[in-house]
Structures are given as C-alpha cells and as structure tokens.
Amino acid sequence: MIKFFLMVNKQGQTRLSRYYEHVEINKRTILEAEVIKNCLSRSKDQCSFIEYKDFRLVYRQYAALFVVVGINETENEMAVYELIHNFVEVLDKYFSRVVSQTLNLLWKISFKALV
C-alpha cells in the first residue's frame, strides 16, 4: 500500500505531497526532512529503493525533480517505480514540460491526479 507521495526539488523543498494515511502536520515535516535527506544524499549509481523505518522508499530523479513514494513491505517496488515514471509522463504531456515551478503554479491539477 502506498503511504505517501512526494515531489521534491534538488534544494530539498517539497513541491507536492499527498498522504494516504493520517500523519500529524509536525510529524509530516520531520518525516519529509528525513526522507528528502536520505534520497538526495544518494548517488545515481545507488539503488532507488531504500529501507526506512517501518516502510520502504522508492524514488526516481527527473532533472532537478525527485519523486519519492513511501510504501509498505507488501508492495512491489518495481511496480511503484514504473508508476512514478507513468505519473511523470502524464504530467509531462499535460503541462508540456514538468519543472518544479510548473507544479508550484498548477498544484491543484497535479494533486487531483494523485487522488
């Protein structure tokens, strides 16, 4: 099961977040900071799957944009990895070019795609 979906720029600023389980606001901030730090600190040669606390992180980088999905242990990592790619492809077709500023301006449309 997917627990959360984050889109983050290289500076570590969250551009889009969607949680599928209730998480308190202050815990979200801490969680996002730790998750972003873990993903941004990895090199491109390293695996895109990370064991983190009681769930797994699957992330993918597109230029200056990182897409990070938190999943439980029963979810298939490769399927989520492909889901990330398909989501970015849809955004790319819809917005014609996905960049951090586009998501910031048109976040309502991006958010609806995650529902």
PDB file of N, CA and C in Angstrom:
ATOM      1  N   MET A   1       0.829  -1.171   0.000  1.00  0.00           N
ATOM      2  CA  MET A   1       0.000   0.000   0.000  1.00  0.00           C
ATOM      3  C   MET A   1       0.883   1.246   0.000  1.00  0.00           C
ATOM      4  N   ILE A   2       0.487   2.227  -0.752  1.00  0.00           N
ATOM      5  CA  ILE A   2       1.221   3.484  -0.801  1.00  0.00           C
ATOM      6  C   ILE A   2       0.852   4.315   0.423  1.00  0.00           C
ATOM      7  N   LYS A   3       1.874   4.802   1.134  1.00  0.00           N
ATOM      8  CA  LYS A   3       1.644   5.609   2.328  1.00  0.00           C
ATOM      9  C   LYS A   3       1.690   7.098   2.023  1.00  0.00           C
ATOM     10  N   PHE A   4       2.621   7.495   1.143  1.00  0.00           N
ATOM     11  CA  PHE A   4       2.703   8.909   0.769  1.00  0.00           C
ATOM     12  C   PHE A   4       3.415   9.058  -0.566  1.00  0.00           C
ATOM     13  N   PHE A   5       3.240  10.231  -1.147  1.00  0.00           N
ATOM     14  CA  PHE A   5       3.799  10.573  -2.448  1.00  0.00           C
ATOM     15  C   PHE A   5       4.364  11.979  -2.328  1.00  0.00           C
ATOM     16  N   LEU A   6       5.655  12.144  -2.635  1.00  0.00           N
ATOM     17  CA  LEU A   6       6.303  13.455  -2.529  1.00  0.00           C
ATOM     18  C   LEU A   6       6.982  13.817  -3.845  1.00  0.00           C
ATOM     19  N   MET A   7       6.938  15.084  -4.180  1.00  0.00           N
ATOM     20  CA  MET A   7       7.735  15.617  -5.274  1.00  0.00           C
ATOM     21  C   MET A   7       8.575  16.735  -4.674  1.00  0.00           C
ATOM     22  N   VAL A   8       9.896  16.620  -4.850  1.00  0.00           N
ATOM     23  CA  VAL A   8      10.844  17.486  -4.168  1.00  0.00           C
ATOM     24  C   VAL A   8      11.859  17.989  -5.176  1.00  0.00           C
ATOM     25  N   ASN A   9      12.304  19.253  -5.018  1.00  0.00           N
ATOM     26  CA  ASN A   9      13.366  19.751  -5.893  1.00  0.00           C
ATOM     27  C   ASN A   9      14.726  19.429  -5.282  1.00  0.00           C
ATOM     28  N   LYS A  10      15.808  19.748  -6.005  1.00  0.00           N
ATOM     29  CA  LYS A  10      17.157  19.424  -5.529  1.00  0.00           C
ATOM     30  C   LYS A  10      17.559  20.195  -4.281  1.00  0.00           C
ATOM     31  N   GLN A  11      16.901  21.302  -4.018  1.00  0.00           N
ATOM     32  CA  GLN A  11      17.201  22.079  -2.819  1.00  0.00           C
ATOM     33  C   GLN A  11      16.519  21.488  -1.583  1.00  0.00           C
ATOM     34  N   GLY A  12      15.712  20.458  -1.782  1.00  0.00           N
ATOM     35  CA  GLY A  12      15.034  19.807  -0.663  1.00  0.00           C
ATOM     36  C   GLY A  12      13.691  20.402  -0.317  1.00  0.00           C
ATOM     37  N   GLN A  13      13.153  21.250  -1.175  1.00  0.00           N
ATOM     38  CA  GLN A  13      11.851  21.862  -0.928  1.00  0.00           C
ATOM     39  C   GLN A  13      10.759  20.961  -1.486  1.00  0.00           C
ATOM     40  N   THR A  14       9.783  20.659  -0.656  1.00  0.00           N
ATOM     41  CA  THR A  14       8.667  19.828  -1.096  1.00  0.00           C
ATOM     42  C   THR A  14       7.767  20.652  -1.999  1.00  0.00           C
ATOM     43  N   ARG A  15       7.537  20.162  -3.195  1.00  0.00           N
ATOM     44  CA  ARG A  15       6.680  20.857  -4.153  1.00  0.00           C
ATOM     45  C   ARG A  15       5.273  20.294  -4.185  1.00  0.00           C
ATOM     46  N   LEU A  16       5.139  19.016  -3.862  1.00  0.00           N
ATOM     47  CA  LEU A  16       3.827  18.374  -3.863  1.00  0.00           C
ATOM     48  C   LEU A  16       3.892  17.214  -2.884  1.00  0.00           C
ATOM     49  N   SER A  17       2.897  17.093  -2.033  1.00  0.00           N
ATOM     50  CA  SER A  17       2.852  15.954  -1.115  1.00  0.00           C
ATOM     51  C   SER A  17       1.417  15.470  -0.997  1.00  0.00           C
ATOM     52  N   ARG A  18       1.302  14.162  -0.919  1.00  0.00           N
ATOM     53  CA  ARG A  18      -0.019  13.545  -0.751  1.00  0.00           C
ATOM     54  C   ARG A  18       0.167  12.367   0.186  1.00  0.00           C
ATOM     55  N   TYR A  19      -0.588  12.362   1.286  1.00  0.00           N
ATOM     56  CA  TYR A  19      -0.529  11.288   2.269  1.00  0.00           C
ATOM     57  C   TYR A  19      -1.803  10.470   2.175  1.00  0.00           C
ATOM     58  N   TYR A  20      -1.662   9.151   2.171  1.00  0.00           N
ATOM     59  CA  TYR A  20      -2.804   8.251   2.078  1.00  0.00           C
ATOM     60  C   TYR A  20      -3.150   7.632   3.430  1.00  0.00           C
ATOM     61  N   GLU A  21      -2.409   7.998   4.462  1.00  0.00           N
ATOM     62  CA  GLU A  21      -2.697   7.662   5.850  1.00  0.00           C
ATOM     63  C   GLU A  21      -2.565   8.948   6.653  1.00  0.00           C
ATOM     64  N   HIS A  22      -3.312   9.034   7.745  1.00  0.00           N
ATOM     65  CA  HIS A  22      -3.238  10.248   8.559  1.00  0.00           C
ATOM     66  C   HIS A  22      -1.876  10.344   9.229  1.00  0.00           C
ATOM     67  N   VAL A  23      -1.232  11.490   9.045  1.00  0.00           N
ATOM     68  CA  VAL A  23       0.023  11.811   9.715  1.00  0.00           C
ATOM     69  C   VAL A  23      -0.098  13.252  10.192  1.00  0.00           C
ATOM     70  N   GLU A  24       0.202  13.480  11.463  1.00  0.00           N
ATOM     71  CA  GLU A  24       0.107  14.825  12.014  1.00  0.00           C
ATOM     72  C   GLU A  24       1.076  15.761  11.297  1.00  0.00           C
ATOM     73  N   ILE A  25       0.726  17.034  11.230  1.00  0.00           N
ATOM     74  CA  ILE A  25       1.499  18.030  10.485  1.00  0.00           C
ATOM     75  C   ILE A  25       2.947  18.103  10.960  1.00  0.00           C
ATOM     76  N   ASN A  26       3.172  18.136  12.270  1.00  0.00           N
ATOM     77  CA  ASN A  26       4.550  18.237  12.756  1.00  0.00           C
ATOM     78  C   ASN A  26       5.348  16.968  12.435  1.00  0.00           C
ATOM     79  N   LYS A  27       4.698  15.819  12.443  1.00  0.00           N
ATOM     80  CA  LYS A  27       5.380  14.576  12.075  1.00  0.00           C
ATOM     81  C   LYS A  27       5.653  14.525  10.566  1.00  0.00           C
ATOM     82  N   ARG A  28       4.769  15.112   9.777  1.00  0.00           N
ATOM     83  CA  ARG A  28       4.992  15.176   8.323  1.00  0.00           C
ATOM     84  C   ARG A  28       6.263  15.953   8.012  1.00  0.00           C
ATOM     85  N   THR A  29       6.435  17.067   8.683  1.00  0.00           N
ATOM     86  CA  THR A  29       7.607  17.908   8.456  1.00  0.00           C
ATOM     87  C   THR A  29       8.889  17.145   8.770  1.00  0.00           C
ATOM     88  N   ILE A  30       8.903  16.454   9.884  1.00  0.00           N
ATOM     89  CA  ILE A  30      10.077  15.670  10.271  1.00  0.00           C
ATOM     90  C   ILE A  30      10.294  14.525   9.290  1.00  0.00           C
ATOM     91  N   LEU A  31       9.225  13.819   8.947  1.00  0.00           N
ATOM     92  CA  LEU A  31       9.311  12.703   8.007  1.00  0.00           C
ATOM     93  C   LEU A  31       9.843  13.162   6.656  1.00  0.00           C
ATOM     94  N   GLU A  32       9.293  14.245   6.130  1.00  0.00           N
ATOM     95  CA  GLU A  32       9.728  14.749   4.832  1.00  0.00           C
ATOM     96  C   GLU A  32      11.194  15.164   4.863  1.00  0.00           C
ATOM     97  N   ALA A  33      11.624  15.820   5.923  1.00  0.00           N
ATOM     98  CA  ALA A  33      13.028  16.237   6.020  1.00  0.00           C
ATOM     99  C   ALA A  33      13.962  15.029   6.012  1.00  0.00           C
ATOM    100  N   GLU A  34      13.633  13.990   6.757  1.00  0.00           N
ATOM    101  CA  GLU A  34      14.472  12.798   6.810  1.00  0.00           C
ATOM    102  C   GLU A  34      14.473  12.037   5.495  1.00  0.00           C
ATOM    103  N   VAL A  35      13.297  11.906   4.897  1.00  0.00           N
ATOM    104  CA  VAL A  35      13.175  11.193   3.620  1.00  0.00           C
ATOM    105  C   VAL A  35      13.951  11.923   2.530  1.00  0.00           C
ATOM    106  N   ILE A  36      13.789  13.226   2.469  1.00  0.00           N
ATOM    107  CA  ILE A  36      14.478  14.028   1.454  1.00  0.00           C
ATOM    108  C   ILE A  36      15.987  13.932   1.636  1.00  0.00           C
ATOM    109  N   LYS A  37      16.447  14.018   2.890  1.00  0.00           N
ATOM    110  CA  LYS A  37      17.881  13.909   3.166  1.00  0.00           C
ATOM    111  C   LYS A  37      18.420  12.557   2.702  1.00  0.00           C
ATOM    112  N   ASN A  38      17.678  11.485   2.971  1.00  0.00           N
ATOM    113  CA  ASN A  38      18.111  10.149   2.549  1.00  0.00           C
ATOM    114  C   ASN A  38      18.191  10.020   1.032  1.00  0.00           C
ATOM    115  N   CYS A  39      17.228  10.547   0.332  1.00  0.00           N
ATOM    116  CA  CYS A  39      17.193  10.404  -1.129  1.00  0.00           C
ATOM    117  C   CYS A  39      18.204  11.317  -1.826  1.00  0.00           C
ATOM    118  N   LEU A  40      18.319  12.556  -1.367  1.00  0.00           N
ATOM    119  CA  LEU A  40      19.235  13.495  -2.010  1.00  0.00           C
ATOM    120  C   LEU A  40      20.695  13.144  -1.784  1.00  0.00           C
ATOM    121  N   SER A  41      20.987  12.445  -0.701  1.00  0.00           N
ATOM    122  CA  SER A  41      22.377  12.120  -0.391  1.00  0.00           C
ATOM    123  C   SER A  41      22.898  10.918  -1.177  1.00  0.00           C
ATOM    124  N   ARG A  42      22.035  10.227  -1.883  1.00  0.00           N
ATOM    125  CA  ARG A  42      22.455   9.038  -2.624  1.00  0.00           C
ATOM    126  C   ARG A  42      22.946   9.409  -4.013  1.00  0.00           C
ATOM    127  N   SER A  43      23.888   8.623  -4.518  1.00  0.00           N
ATOM    128  CA  SER A  43      24.407   8.868  -5.867  1.00  0.00           C
ATOM    129  C   SER A  43      23.506   8.194  -6.896  1.00  0.00           C
ATOM    130  N   LYS A  44      23.692   8.545  -8.156  1.00  0.00           N
ATOM    131  CA  LYS A  44      22.883   7.957  -9.225  1.00  0.00           C
ATOM    132  C   LYS A  44      23.182   6.472  -9.426  1.00  0.00           C
ATOM    133  N   ASP A  45      24.354   6.026  -8.953  1.00  0.00           N
ATOM    134  CA  ASP A  45      24.733   4.626  -9.105  1.00  0.00           C
ATOM    135  C   ASP A  45      24.058   3.721  -8.079  1.00  0.00           C
ATOM    136  N   GLN A  46      23.502   4.290  -7.048  1.00  0.00           N
ATOM    137  CA  GLN A  46      22.883   3.502  -5.998  1.00  0.00           C
ATOM    138  C   GLN A  46      21.447   3.137  -6.355  1.00  0.00           C
ATOM    139  N   CYS A  47      20.956   2.094  -5.719  1.00  0.00           N
ATOM    140  CA  CYS A  47      19.600   1.600  -5.942  1.00  0.00           C
ATOM    141  C   CYS A  47      18.567   2.665  -5.553  1.00  0.00           C
ATOM    142  N   SER A  48      17.436   2.669  -6.219  1.00  0.00           N
ATOM    143  CA  SER A  48      16.372   3.634  -5.963  1.00  0.00           C
ATOM    144  C   SER A  48      15.373   3.155  -4.920  1.00  0.00           C
ATOM    145  N   PHE A  49      15.694   2.092  -4.212  1.00  0.00           N
ATOM    146  CA  PHE A  49      14.837   1.564  -3.153  1.00  0.00           C
ATOM    147  C   PHE A  49      15.596   1.660  -1.830  1.00  0.00           C
ATOM    148  N   ILE A  50      14.965   2.225  -0.821  1.00  0.00           N
ATOM    149  CA  ILE A  50      15.607   2.417   0.477  1.00  0.00           C
ATOM    150  C   ILE A  50      14.703   1.855   1.568  1.00  0.00           C
ATOM    151  N   GLU A  51      15.272   1.078   2.478  1.00  0.00           N
ATOM    152  CA  GLU A  51      14.558   0.647   3.671  1.00  0.00           C
ATOM    153  C   GLU A  51      14.602   1.808   4.659  1.00  0.00           C
ATOM    154  N   TYR A  52      13.438   2.239   5.128  1.00  0.00           N
ATOM    155  CA  TYR A  52      13.377   3.374   6.043  1.00  0.00           C
ATOM    156  C   TYR A  52      12.321   3.106   7.112  1.00  0.00           C
ATOM    157  N   LYS A  53      12.750   3.014   8.339  1.00  0.00           N
ATOM    158  CA  LYS A  53      11.870   2.731   9.473  1.00  0.00           C
ATOM    159  C   LYS A  53      10.980   1.522   9.179  1.00  0.00           C
ATOM    160  N   ASP A  54       9.652   1.689   9.224  1.00  0.00           N
ATOM    161  CA  ASP A  54       8.759   0.553   9.009  1.00  0.00           C
ATOM    162  C   ASP A  54       8.190   0.500   7.589  1.00  0.00           C
ATOM    163  N   PHE A  55       8.807   1.204   6.653  1.00  0.00           N
ATOM    164  CA  PHE A  55       8.358   1.159   5.261  1.00  0.00           C
ATOM    165  C   PHE A  55       9.543   1.312   4.322  1.00  0.00           C
ATOM    166  N   ARG A  56       9.264   1.276   3.031  1.00  0.00           N
ATOM    167  CA  ARG A  56      10.304   1.412   2.014  1.00  0.00           C
ATOM    168  C   ARG A  56      10.068   2.694   1.223  1.00  0.00           C
ATOM    169  N   LEU A  57      11.161   3.256   0.749  1.00  0.00           N
ATOM    170  CA  LEU A  57      11.094   4.432  -0.121  1.00  0.00           C
ATOM    171  C   LEU A  57      11.481   4.015  -1.523  1.00  0.00           C
ATOM    172  N   VAL A  58      10.710   4.423  -2.483  1.00  0.00           N
ATOM    173  CA  VAL A  58      11.033   4.246  -3.889  1.00  0.00           C
ATOM    174  C   VAL A  58      11.110   5.647  -4.470  1.00  0.00           C
ATOM    175  N   TYR A  59      12.237   5.977  -5.093  1.00  0.00           N
ATOM    176  CA  TYR A  59      12.368   7.328  -5.625  1.00  0.00           C
ATOM    177  C   TYR A  59      12.948   7.285  -7.033  1.00  0.00           C
ATOM    178  N   ARG A  60      12.718   8.358  -7.736  1.00  0.00           N
ATOM    179  CA  ARG A  60      13.236   8.497  -9.097  1.00  0.00           C
ATOM    180  C   ARG A  60      13.522   9.967  -9.332  1.00  0.00           C
ATOM    181  N   GLN A  61      14.638  10.249 -10.003  1.00  0.00           N
ATOM    182  CA  GLN A  61      15.021  11.633 -10.265  1.00  0.00           C
ATOM    183  C   GLN A  61      14.770  11.978 -11.719  1.00  0.00           C
ATOM    184  N   TYR A  62      14.165  13.132 -11.927  1.00  0.00           N
ATOM    185  CA  TYR A  62      13.954  13.696 -13.254  1.00  0.00           C
ATOM    186  C   TYR A  62      14.531  15.101 -13.240  1.00  0.00           C
ATOM    187  N   ALA A  63      15.700  15.274 -13.829  1.00  0.00           N
ATOM    188  CA  ALA A  63      16.411  16.560 -13.837  1.00  0.00           C
ATOM    189  C   ALA A  63      16.545  17.068 -12.398  1.00  0.00           C
ATOM    190  N   ALA A  64      15.901  18.168 -12.060  1.00  0.00           N
ATOM    191  CA  ALA A  64      16.017  18.735 -10.716  1.00  0.00           C
ATOM    192  C   ALA A  64      14.855  18.325  -9.818  1.00  0.00           C
ATOM    193  N   LEU A  65      14.066  17.359 -10.246  1.00  0.00           N
ATOM    194  CA  LEU A  65      12.870  16.961  -9.506  1.00  0.00           C
ATOM    195  C   LEU A  65      12.990  15.507  -9.052  1.00  0.00           C
ATOM    196  N   PHE A  66      12.770  15.277  -7.763  1.00  0.00           N
ATOM    197  CA  PHE A  66      12.747  13.931  -7.211  1.00  0.00           C
ATOM    198  C   PHE A  66      11.314  13.561  -6.893  1.00  0.00           C
ATOM    199  N   VAL A  67      10.922  12.360  -7.264  1.00  0.00           N
ATOM    200  CA  VAL A  67       9.617  11.827  -6.907  1.00  0.00           C
ATOM    201  C   VAL A  67       9.876  10.683  -5.936  1.00  0.00           C
ATOM    202  N   VAL A  68       9.298  10.771  -4.742  1.00  0.00           N
ATOM    203  CA  VAL A  68       9.527   9.789  -3.686  1.00  0.00           C
ATOM    204  C   VAL A  68       8.179   9.229  -3.248  1.00  0.00           C
ATOM    205  N   VAL A  69       8.100   7.894  -3.186  1.00  0.00           N
ATOM    206  CA  VAL A  69       6.884   7.225  -2.745  1.00  0.00           C
ATOM    207  C   VAL A  69       7.231   6.326  -1.571  1.00  0.00           C
ATOM    208  N   GLY A  70       6.474   6.451  -0.505  1.00  0.00           N
ATOM    209  CA  GLY A  70       6.632   5.581   0.654  1.00  0.00           C
ATOM    210  C   GLY A  70       5.627   4.452   0.573  1.00  0.00           C
ATOM    211  N   ILE A  71       6.102   3.213   0.691  1.00  0.00           N
ATOM    212  CA  ILE A  71       5.229   2.043   0.567  1.00  0.00           C
ATOM    213  C   ILE A  71       5.459   1.090   1.737  1.00  0.00           C
ATOM    214  N   ASN A  72       4.515   0.174   1.948  1.00  0.00           N
ATOM    215  CA  ASN A  72       4.722  -0.845   2.974  1.00  0.00           C
ATOM    216  C   ASN A  72       5.473  -2.028   2.362  1.00  0.00           C
ATOM    217  N   GLU A  73       5.776  -3.031   3.183  1.00  0.00           N
ATOM    218  CA  GLU A  73       6.627  -4.134   2.736  1.00  0.00           C
ATOM    219  C   GLU A  73       5.943  -5.079   1.753  1.00  0.00           C
ATOM    220  N   THR A  74       4.622  -5.021   1.622  1.00  0.00           N
ATOM    221  CA  THR A  74       3.935  -5.933   0.704  1.00  0.00           C
ATOM    222  C   THR A  74       3.853  -5.399  -0.724  1.00  0.00           C
ATOM    223  N   GLU A  75       4.137  -4.133  -0.909  1.00  0.00           N
ATOM    224  CA  GLU A  75       4.034  -3.506  -2.236  1.00  0.00           C
ATOM    225  C   GLU A  75       5.254  -3.870  -3.098  1.00  0.00           C
ATOM    226  N   ASN A  76       5.043  -4.000  -4.375  1.00  0.00           N
ATOM    227  CA  ASN A  76       6.101  -4.325  -5.333  1.00  0.00           C
ATOM    228  C   ASN A  76       6.862  -3.045  -5.703  1.00  0.00           C
ATOM    229  N   GLU A  77       8.160  -3.013  -5.397  1.00  0.00           N
ATOM    230  CA  GLU A  77       8.961  -1.813  -5.644  1.00  0.00           C
ATOM    231  C   GLU A  77       9.056  -1.463  -7.129  1.00  0.00           C
ATOM    232  N   MET A  78       9.217  -2.462  -7.978  1.00  0.00           N
ATOM    233  CA  MET A  78       9.331  -2.200  -9.419  1.00  0.00           C
ATOM    234  C   MET A  78       8.027  -1.645  -9.993  1.00  0.00           C
ATOM    235  N   ALA A  79       6.898  -2.113  -9.490  1.00  0.00           N
ATOM    236  CA  ALA A  79       5.609  -1.582  -9.947  1.00  0.00           C
ATOM    237  C   ALA A  79       5.466  -0.111  -9.553  1.00  0.00           C
ATOM    238  N   VAL A  80       5.905   0.238  -8.359  1.00  0.00           N
ATOM    239  CA  VAL A  80       5.844   1.630  -7.897  1.00  0.00           C
ATOM    240  C   VAL A  80       6.833   2.489  -8.686  1.00  0.00           C
ATOM    241  N   TYR A  81       8.000   1.926  -8.980  1.00  0.00           N
ATOM    242  CA  TYR A  81       8.996   2.629  -9.787  1.00  0.00           C
ATOM    243  C   TYR A  81       8.408   2.976 -11.164  1.00  0.00           C
ATOM    244  N   GLU A  82       7.685   2.034 -11.755  1.00  0.00           N
ATOM    245  CA  GLU A  82       7.029   2.268 -13.043  1.00  0.00           C
ATOM    246  C   GLU A  82       5.862   3.249 -12.892  1.00  0.00           C
ATOM    247  N   LEU A  83       5.145   3.185 -11.775  1.00  0.00           N
ATOM    248  CA  LEU A  83       4.056   4.127 -11.508  1.00  0.00           C
ATOM    249  C   LEU A  83       4.578   5.559 -11.481  1.00  0.00           C
ATOM    250  N   ILE A  84       5.730   5.757 -10.840  1.00  0.00           N
ATOM    251  CA  ILE A  84       6.347   7.080 -10.798  1.00  0.00           C
ATOM    252  C   ILE A  84       6.625   7.573 -12.213  1.00  0.00           C
ATOM    253  N   HIS A  85       7.196   6.702 -13.032  1.00  0.00           N
ATOM    254  CA  HIS A  85       7.515   7.083 -14.407  1.00  0.00           C
ATOM    255  C   HIS A  85       6.238   7.441 -15.182  1.00  0.00           C
ATOM    256  N   ASN A  86       5.207   6.639 -15.043  1.00  0.00           N
ATOM    257  CA  ASN A  86       3.947   6.917 -15.743  1.00  0.00           C
ATOM    258  C   ASN A  86       3.320   8.224 -15.272  1.00  0.00           C
ATOM    259  N   PHE A  87       3.389   8.491 -13.971  1.00  0.00           N
ATOM    260  CA  PHE A  87       2.843   9.742 -13.440  1.00  0.00           C
ATOM    261  C   PHE A  87       3.567  10.950 -14.020  1.00  0.00           C
ATOM    262  N   VAL A  88       4.881  10.884 -14.071  1.00  0.00           N
ATOM    263  CA  VAL A  88       5.665  11.989 -14.619  1.00  0.00           C
ATOM    264  C   VAL A  88       5.399  12.141 -16.120  1.00  0.00           C
ATOM    265  N   GLU A  89       5.227  11.040 -16.823  1.00  0.00           N
ATOM    266  CA  GLU A  89       4.894  11.117 -18.250  1.00  0.00           C
ATOM    267  C   GLU A  89       3.553  11.807 -18.465  1.00  0.00           C
ATOM    268  N   VAL A  90       2.571  11.498 -17.650  1.00  0.00           N
ATOM    269  CA  VAL A  90       1.262  12.144 -17.757  1.00  0.00           C
ATOM    270  C   VAL A  90       1.386  13.642 -17.486  1.00  0.00           C
ATOM    271  N   LEU A  91       2.115  13.997 -16.440  1.00  0.00           N
ATOM    272  CA  LEU A  91       2.318  15.422 -16.147  1.00  0.00           C
ATOM    273  C   LEU A  91       3.057  16.115 -17.282  1.00  0.00           C
ATOM    274  N   ASP A  92       4.031  15.428 -17.859  1.00  0.00           N
ATOM    275  CA  ASP A  92       4.804  15.996 -18.957  1.00  0.00           C
ATOM    276  C   ASP A  92       3.914  16.256 -20.171  1.00  0.00           C
ATOM    277  N   LYS A  93       3.031  15.330 -20.470  1.00  0.00           N
ATOM    278  CA  LYS A  93       2.108  15.520 -21.604  1.00  0.00           C
ATOM    279  C   LYS A  93       1.109  16.638 -21.309  1.00  0.00           C
ATOM    280  N   TYR A  94       0.625  16.688 -20.069  1.00  0.00           N
ATOM    281  CA  TYR A  94      -0.387  17.668 -19.712  1.00  0.00           C
ATOM    282  C   TYR A  94       0.182  19.079 -19.648  1.00  0.00           C
ATOM    283  N   PHE A  95       1.343  19.238 -19.001  1.00  0.00           N
ATOM    284  CA  PHE A  95       1.940  20.555 -18.822  1.00  0.00           C
ATOM    285  C   PHE A  95       2.943  20.899 -19.917  1.00  0.00           C
ATOM    286  N   SER A  96       3.251  19.965 -20.773  1.00  0.00           N
ATOM    287  CA  SER A  96       4.223  20.055 -21.867  1.00  0.00           C
ATOM    288  C   SER A  96       5.673  20.047 -21.393  1.00  0.00           C
ATOM    289  N   ARG A  97       5.938  20.405 -20.151  1.00  0.00           N
ATOM    290  CA  ARG A  97       7.290  20.292 -19.597  1.00  0.00           C
ATOM    291  C   ARG A  97       7.181  20.379 -18.083  1.00  0.00           C
ATOM    292  N   VAL A  98       7.530  19.301 -17.406  1.00  0.00           N
ATOM    293  CA  VAL A  98       7.403  19.266 -15.956  1.00  0.00           C
ATOM    294  C   VAL A  98       8.644  19.863 -15.320  1.00  0.00           C
ATOM    295  N   VAL A  99       8.456  20.950 -14.618  1.00  0.00           N
ATOM    296  CA  VAL A  99       9.519  21.550 -13.819  1.00  0.00           C
ATOM    297  C   VAL A  99       8.921  21.911 -12.464  1.00  0.00           C
ATOM    298  N   SER A 100       9.770  22.192 -11.536  1.00  0.00           N
ATOM    299  CA  SER A 100       9.330  22.487 -10.180  1.00  0.00           C
ATOM    300  C   SER A 100       8.368  23.672 -10.141  1.00  0.00           C
ATOM    301  N   GLN A 101       8.642  24.707 -10.917  1.00  0.00           N
ATOM    302  CA  GLN A 101       7.790  25.893 -10.913  1.00  0.00           C
ATOM    303  C   GLN A 101       6.404  25.584 -11.479  1.00  0.00           C
ATOM    304  N   THR A 102       6.328  24.695 -12.464  1.00  0.00           N
ATOM    305  CA  THR A 102       5.037  24.317 -13.038  1.00  0.00           C
ATOM    306  C   THR A 102       4.166  23.682 -11.973  1.00  0.00           C
ATOM    307  N   LEU A 103       4.739  22.771 -11.201  1.00  0.00           N
ATOM    308  CA  LEU A 103       3.977  22.112 -10.145  1.00  0.00           C
ATOM    309  C   LEU A 103       3.550  23.105  -9.086  1.00  0.00           C
ATOM    310  N   ASN A 104       4.383  24.068  -8.812  1.00  0.00           N
ATOM    311  CA  ASN A 104       4.057  25.077  -7.811  1.00  0.00           C
ATOM    312  C   ASN A 104       2.870  25.923  -8.269  1.00  0.00           C
ATOM    313  N   LEU A 105       2.811  26.278  -9.528  1.00  0.00           N
ATOM    314  CA  LEU A 105       1.736  27.114 -10.050  1.00  0.00           C
ATOM    315  C   LEU A 105       0.444  26.335 -10.273  1.00  0.00           C
ATOM    316  N   LEU A 106       0.568  25.099 -10.716  1.00  0.00           N
ATOM    317  CA  LEU A 106      -0.612  24.308 -11.080  1.00  0.00           C
ATOM    318  C   LEU A 106      -0.783  23.109 -10.153  1.00  0.00           C
ATOM    319  N   TRP A 107      -0.576  23.322  -8.873  1.00  0.00           N
ATOM    320  CA  TRP A 107      -0.579  22.221  -7.923  1.00  0.00           C
ATOM    321  C   TRP A 107      -1.933  21.557  -7.787  1.00  0.00           C
ATOM    322  N   LYS A 108      -3.028  22.274  -8.004  1.00  0.00           N
ATOM    323  CA  LYS A 108      -4.346  21.658  -7.863  1.00  0.00           C
ATOM    324  C   LYS A 108      -4.570  20.560  -8.880  1.00  0.00           C
ATOM    325  N   ILE A 109      -4.132  20.787 -10.117  1.00  0.00           N
ATOM    326  CA  ILE A 109      -4.274  19.777 -11.162  1.00  0.00           C
ATOM    327  C   ILE A 109      -3.383  18.579 -10.870  1.00  0.00           C
ATOM    328  N   SER A 110      -2.150  18.844 -10.449  1.00  0.00           N
ATOM    329  CA  SER A 110      -1.233  17.764 -10.100  1.00  0.00           C
ATOM    330  C   SER A 110      -1.772  16.956  -8.934  1.00  0.00           C
ATOM    331  N   PHE A 111      -2.342  17.638  -7.968  1.00  0.00           N
ATOM    332  CA  PHE A 111      -2.870  16.973  -6.774  1.00  0.00           C
ATOM    333  C   PHE A 111      -4.042  16.066  -7.129  1.00  0.00           C
ATOM    334  N   LYS A 112      -4.904  16.519  -8.040  1.00  0.00           N
ATOM    335  CA  LYS A 112      -6.061  15.713  -8.451  1.00  0.00           C
ATOM    336  C   LYS A 112      -5.625  14.421  -9.135  1.00  0.00           C
ATOM    337  N   ALA A 113      -4.495  14.467  -9.814  1.00  0.00           N
ATOM    338  CA  ALA A 113      -4.000  13.268 -10.492  1.00  0.00           C
ATOM    339  C   ALA A 113      -3.589  12.201  -9.491  1.00  0.00           C
ATOM    340  N   LEU A 114      -3.264  12.586  -8.272  1.00  0.00           N
ATOM    341  CA  LEU A 114      -2.842  11.627  -7.243  1.00  0.00           C
ATOM    342  C   LEU A 114      -3.998  11.019  -6.472  1.00  0.00           C
ATOM    343  N   VAL A 115      -5.195  11.549  -6.642  1.00  0.00           N
ATOM    344  CA  VAL A 115      -6.339  11.041  -5.886  1.00  0.00           C
ATOM    345  C   VAL A 115      -6.777   9.778  -6.468  1.00  0.00           C
TER     346      VAL A 115
END
